[in-house]
């Protein structure tokens, strides 16, 4: 049996620590302001009373995060649903590997859907670059997040990756706890969702046996998340121009905070989650004698194909691809009202971009790519 104490620095808190972390949150002045922002009808003392009555992380999630996210779904989306066809059987832990659209809500909405399906919530991989304030670190650990260490030296990065992989294997095979992790570090700004081989290599640093054995032990389930509208699209387009104008440009912590807030508060339209079947059947028939580099390339393509073929395609995706390619190939898939509404939406989003020398043509092209790329990949995966 693995000694869980080796993961203390990266793992969610143990339920026995819940009250300690709740007290830290309640005493933090910044969190007090956040609590009033997100729960305006719940005074801090009432929040504290409910939080202190929770005995487990799941109880805390159901008391606060679940109702907040349900309200958000009602007010900021046109519905969030999951295709349950390929959900792992109850009590079978799996590693959901998904495309990444929203910093907070990709995993948050998944947890809501799990609760609605009478399942346990998942543990969530989150980069330490987002832990800007102490209260964020405490809060995400209460919400079953485990920490991905970034911006380390080569030796430290290797040690961190081994520890992270060991923790993931421990979750699946000993804790019997499902987990969620994005297919790449950070969001695909252009929505061209491609799995990073480095993520798969990290997966194989824990477990036993060869590469295939170690990946099968994680019971990987490719998961596709399809947002009709991305509220951060204009921020992503802005970043593209900033990097075009200044190749050395890097986002600040304030930029990350703005992306998080915009993703939470912005309109998302319809949202669909669609898991594929466990990757294990496909892994079982791969030639294990292949060179490592070729093995990882093949497996990456398997995950990408599953994610791409499971997109929910909306009228805006068809409009975007037609406009980007200057064609009318997909006019049967949208109306003139759909086209006019999407163009009006793009105009309003571009108008939010506060750059001194705003390049509207460039920005519009980048935003069209964001909405066209899921359809491009879908068509390729289905061909």
Foldseek 3Di string as FASTA:
>chain_A
DDDCVVQVVFWFDFLVCQLVLLVVLLPDPVSLVVCCVQPVVQHSVNVSVCSNVDRALQSVCVVPLLVSVVVLCVVFEPDEAEDCPAPDPALQAAEEEEADQAQPVVLSVVQNRQVVVVHHRAAEEHEPLLPPDVNVVSVSSSNRYTYQYDPDDPVVNVVSLLSVLQVLLCCRPPVSGYHYDYQDPDHDLLQQRFGDLVVLVSNQSHDDDDSLRSLVSNQYKYKAKEWPDRQCNLVSLLVVVVCVVPVVDDDDSVSVVVRNVSRSNHHGYYMYMYIDHGCSVVSVPDDRPDPPVVVSVVVRVVSLLRRLQPYDAALLLVLLVCVLVVHCPCVVRDDPVSNVVSVVVLVVSNVPRDDPPRDSVSSSNSSSSSSNSSVVSNVVSVD
